[in-house]
Amino acid sequence: MAALQNDVKAFIVQALACFDTASQVVEAVQKEYGGLAPSKPDTNSPLN
């Protein structure tokens, strides 16, 4: 999984602190920073 840049992390934290829902935050991040590609599933996860 790719690491997020610090400015994107700060944007997410600020949005969540304003009680935005997760889906609202995703939409806002995509609008603000462009279409971030969804991450690939972690094949090493015990949940797979």
C-alpha atoms as a PDB file:
ATOM      1  CA  MET A   1       0.000   0.000   0.000  1.00  0.00           C
ATOM      2  CA  ALA A   2       1.359   3.408  -0.922  1.00  0.00           C
ATOM      3  CA  ALA A   3       1.916   5.944   1.815  1.00  0.00           C
ATOM      4  CA  LEU A   4      -0.121   9.128   1.780  1.00  0.00           C
ATOM      5  CA  GLN A   5       1.599  12.485   1.631  1.00  0.00           C
ATOM      6  CA  ASN A   6       1.451  14.548   4.827  1.00  0.00           C
ATOM      7  CA  ASP A   7      -0.832  17.189   3.318  1.00  0.00           C
ATOM      8  CA  VAL A   8      -3.355  14.505   2.331  1.00  0.00           C
ATOM      9  CA  LYS A   9      -3.171  12.982   5.817  1.00  0.00           C
ATOM     10  CA  ALA A  10      -3.795  16.395   7.385  1.00  0.00           C
ATOM     11  CA  PHE A  11      -6.752  16.977   5.060  1.00  0.00           C
ATOM     12  CA  ILE A  12      -8.270  13.629   6.086  1.00  0.00           C
ATOM     13  CA  VAL A  13      -7.767  14.250   9.805  1.00  0.00           C
ATOM     14  CA  GLN A  14      -9.302  17.715   9.531  1.00  0.00           C
ATOM     15  CA  ALA A  15     -12.326  16.372   7.644  1.00  0.00           C
ATOM     16  CA  LEU A  16     -12.866  13.593  10.174  1.00  0.00           C
ATOM     17  CA  ALA A  17     -12.510  16.088  13.035  1.00  0.00           C
ATOM     18  CA  CYS A  18     -15.404  17.988  11.449  1.00  0.00           C
ATOM     19  CA  PHE A  19     -17.470  14.783  11.708  1.00  0.00           C
ATOM     20  CA  ASP A  20     -17.591  14.178   7.959  1.00  0.00           C
ATOM     21  CA  THR A  21     -18.432  10.573   7.106  1.00  0.00           C
ATOM     22  CA  ALA A  22     -15.780   8.328   5.625  1.00  0.00           C
ATOM     23  CA  SER A  23     -17.471   8.424   2.221  1.00  0.00           C
ATOM     24  CA  GLN A  24     -17.627  12.234   2.352  1.00  0.00           C
ATOM     25  CA  VAL A  25     -13.909  12.330   3.161  1.00  0.00           C
ATOM     26  CA  VAL A  26     -13.074  10.003   0.268  1.00  0.00           C
ATOM     27  CA  GLU A  27     -15.069  12.155  -2.127  1.00  0.00           C
ATOM     28  CA  ALA A  28     -13.465  15.355  -0.820  1.00  0.00           C
ATOM     29  CA  VAL A  29      -9.939  13.913  -1.071  1.00  0.00           C
ATOM     30  CA  GLN A  30     -10.561  12.771  -4.628  1.00  0.00           C
ATOM     31  CA  LYS A  31     -11.927  16.189  -5.553  1.00  0.00           C
ATOM     32  CA  GLU A  32      -9.101  18.101  -3.825  1.00  0.00           C
ATOM     33  CA  TYR A  33      -6.150  15.899  -4.843  1.00  0.00           C
ATOM     34  CA  GLY A  34      -7.397  14.198  -7.990  1.00  0.00           C
ATOM     35  CA  GLY A  35      -8.471  10.623  -8.488  1.00  0.00           C
ATOM     36  CA  LEU A  36      -6.436   8.582  -6.080  1.00  0.00           C
ATOM     37  CA  ALA A  37      -6.403   4.986  -7.233  1.00  0.00           C
ATOM     38  CA  PRO A  38      -7.940   2.537  -4.790  1.00  0.00           C
ATOM     39  CA  SER A  39      -5.365   0.344  -3.132  1.00  0.00           C
ATOM     40  CA  LYS A  40      -5.012  -3.271  -4.108  1.00  0.00           C
ATOM     41  CA  PRO A  41      -6.084  -5.857  -1.547  1.00  0.00           C
ATOM     42  CA  ASP A  42      -3.314  -6.976   0.768  1.00  0.00           C
ATOM     43  CA  THR A  43      -2.618 -10.562  -0.227  1.00  0.00           C
ATOM     44  CA  ASN A  44      -0.728 -11.135   3.033  1.00  0.00           C
ATOM     45  CA  SER A  45      -3.715 -10.231   5.174  1.00  0.00           C
ATOM     46  CA  PRO A  46      -5.141 -13.044   7.294  1.00  0.00           C
ATOM     47  CA  LEU A  47      -8.600 -11.786   6.324  1.00  0.00           C
ATOM     48  CA  ASN A  48      -8.147 -12.898   2.694  1.00  0.00           C
END
